[in-house]
Amino acid sequence: LRNAIELSLSVLDDLGEPVQDTSRDDLVKTVHVFIKMENSQFSNLKKMEDNKKGAVMKLLHTLSFYCVFAESRYLPFALNRMLELTLSHGVCKESCSAFATISFILCGLHGDWTGSSRSG
């Protein structure tokens, strides 16, 4: 898994998405943007049309999966970037995975049932 993570990070860098130092606090701030959105704002998120950003999202989705099982420090980066790309470029299939993972984290690790329900 470590090799897969390193390869994913290298390809992301090649795609113009270098690894950013992302703390859990940074991730929580981004999550709260989604939690505070009105239903109409959430449902009005456009569909992601940029194919390059779509490829980045697919790679971030795979990276986040690897990070969960490898207990990697890159998980906050992957999830945060997926949420940022969803806000700035629109929703895609991989956005759903990010929302579900965030919901799990909020509920399972932080006991935030309301936030979990809202994000997931």
Foldseek 3Di string as FASTA:
>chain_A
DVVLLVVLQVVCVVLVRHFDQFDVVNLVVLLVVQLPDDPVVVVPFAAFDDVSVVVNLVSLLVNLVVCVVVVDPRNSRSLSVLSVCCNVRHDDPSNVVSLQVVLCCCCVVVVNNSSSVRSD
